[in-house]
Amino acid sequence: MRTAYLKKVTDLNMKMLSKLGVQYILLDIDNTIKKYGDTKPAAGVREWVAQMQAQGVRILLFSNNFKKTVAPFAEGLGLDYLAFCLKPSPLAYLRAVRRFHTNRQNILVVGDQLFTDIFGAKLLAMKTLLVEPLDLNRESATVKLRRCLLSRIKRKITSRKQPF
């Protein structure tokens, strides 16, 4: 499957998940569901998580940040998490597969960065969804450079017909 694209994670719904054949979401945190430096989720995220869970979707947060940062945020949303993932290394993605007790084809990986979130999932042939970053102004210089270098790939993803 090609990488799907949505403007924001809260645009993802059950109909789309059904079309993709998934009930598990591996969800990036920074700039996907919260702005860098913020301690609270973006508008609508808390409600979206509750709605997905009520419909039987399991969500696992994953981040390259340390446990001391990730744990309180995950707890606030009532979600399990994987910290210090070293994305795009496939190890965290494989840990998620084990945590979910399913196979890779049943998981949708959602993130805002092509090089880390999406590339790591693609190494394991997992389904992927790219979303727009919540705040480009607070990003580090290296993240901005990666976004610039990968802008052609992103344009290709965002311009094609979506699978749902």
Foldseek 3Di string as FASTA:
>chain_A
DDAAEDAAPLVDDPVNLVLLQAQEEEEEADLRQPDPPDLAGDPPPLVSLVVSVVVRRAYEYEYLADCVRPVVSCVVSVHHYHYNQPFLALPVVVVVCVVVVHDQSRYEYEDAACRGRVVSSVVVPHHYYHHHGNDPPPDDPVRVVRCVVCVVVVVVNVPDDGSD
